[in-house]
Amino acid sequence: MSELTNNPHTRLQDSLVRLEAKSKALLAAVEQTHKERLALENKIEDAQNRIQNILNKLPSPGDSGQLDLLAAAPEGDK
């Protein structure tokens, strides 16, 4: 009779060990994903700052010295 009760008990313990290993793997994956998300958010913020710096350097629309970026290329550049 002890074999019958011991076998399900052993299987339950084995299942718990597998579940614990899977949950640890999932927690590690979630932590890694969180770190990657933070890194991407930082990269996006840096890129936005660089873009804003570039935009700030462009002449304002009312600036008389504004370059006409849409003008046709000079004859020598064709």
Protein backbone atom coordinates (compact mmCIF):
# COMPACT_ATOMS: atom_id res chain seq x y z
CA MET A 1 0.00 0.00 0.00
CA SER A 2 2.87 2.39 0.73
CA GLU A 3 4.01 2.03 -2.90
CA LEU A 4 0.66 3.34 -4.11
CA THR A 5 0.76 6.40 -1.89
CA ASN A 6 4.48 6.98 -2.43
CA ASN A 7 4.24 6.93 -6.23
CA PRO A 8 1.67 9.76 -6.53
CA HIS A 9 3.60 11.68 -3.90
CA THR A 10 6.83 11.32 -5.91
CA ARG A 11 5.07 12.34 -9.11
CA LEU A 12 3.63 15.37 -7.37
CA GLN A 13 7.07 16.35 -6.10
CA ASP A 14 8.51 15.91 -9.59
CA SER A 15 5.74 18.09 -11.01
CA LEU A 16 6.40 20.75 -8.41
CA VAL A 17 10.11 20.75 -9.24
CA ARG A 18 9.32 21.17 -12.96
CA LEU A 19 6.83 23.96 -12.23
CA GLU A 20 9.34 25.74 -10.03
CA ALA A 21 11.95 25.57 -12.77
CA LYS A 22 9.47 26.89 -15.33
CA SER A 23 8.36 29.73 -13.07
CA LYS A 24 11.99 30.73 -12.43
CA ALA A 25 12.62 30.75 -16.17
CA LEU A 26 9.52 32.89 -16.74
CA LEU A 27 10.55 35.35 -14.04
CA ALA A 28 14.01 35.63 -15.57
CA ALA A 29 12.46 36.23 -19.00
CA VAL A 30 10.17 38.94 -17.60
CA GLU A 31 13.11 40.62 -15.87
CA GLN A 32 15.17 40.53 -19.08
CA THR A 33 12.25 41.93 -21.08
CA HIS A 34 11.87 44.74 -18.54
CA LYS A 35 15.58 45.61 -18.84
CA GLU A 36 15.35 45.58 -22.65
CA ARG A 37 12.28 47.82 -22.54
CA LEU A 38 14.06 50.34 -20.32
CA ALA A 39 17.06 50.32 -22.66
CA LEU A 40 14.80 50.93 -25.66
CA GLU A 41 12.97 53.74 -23.87
CA ASN A 42 16.33 55.38 -23.15
CA LYS A 43 17.38 55.03 -26.79
CA ILE A 44 14.10 56.57 -27.94
CA GLU A 45 14.50 59.47 -25.53
CA ASP A 46 18.07 60.08 -26.72
CA ALA A 47 16.95 60.00 -30.35
CA GLN A 48 14.13 62.44 -29.62
CA ASN A 49 16.61 64.79 -27.95
CA ARG A 50 18.98 64.58 -30.93
CA ILE A 51 16.12 65.29 -33.34
CA GLN A 52 15.00 68.26 -31.23
CA ASN A 53 18.57 69.61 -31.20
CA ILE A 54 18.70 69.36 -34.99
CA LEU A 55 15.32 71.07 -35.31
CA ASN A 56 16.44 73.82 -32.95
CA LYS A 57 19.43 74.53 -35.22
CA LEU A 58 17.26 74.99 -38.30
CA PRO A 59 16.45 78.57 -39.20
CA SER A 60 13.02 79.80 -38.18
CA PRO A 61 10.43 80.41 -40.94
CA GLY A 62 10.62 84.17 -40.36
CA ASP A 63 14.40 84.22 -40.68
CA SER A 64 15.38 86.20 -43.79
CA GLY A 65 18.54 84.12 -44.11
CA GLN A 66 16.55 80.92 -44.35
CA LEU A 67 17.75 78.44 -46.93
CA ASP A 68 15.33 77.26 -49.55
CA LEU A 69 15.78 73.52 -49.09
CA LEU A 70 13.31 72.76 -51.87
CA ALA A 71 15.06 74.91 -54.47
CA ALA A 72 16.27 73.22 -57.61
CA ALA A 73 19.90 72.13 -57.63
CA PRO A 74 22.32 74.48 -59.41
CA GLU A 75 23.08 73.66 -63.08
CA GLY A 76 26.56 72.33 -62.23
CA ASP A 77 25.18 69.74 -59.81
CA LYS A 78 22.96 67.97 -62.32
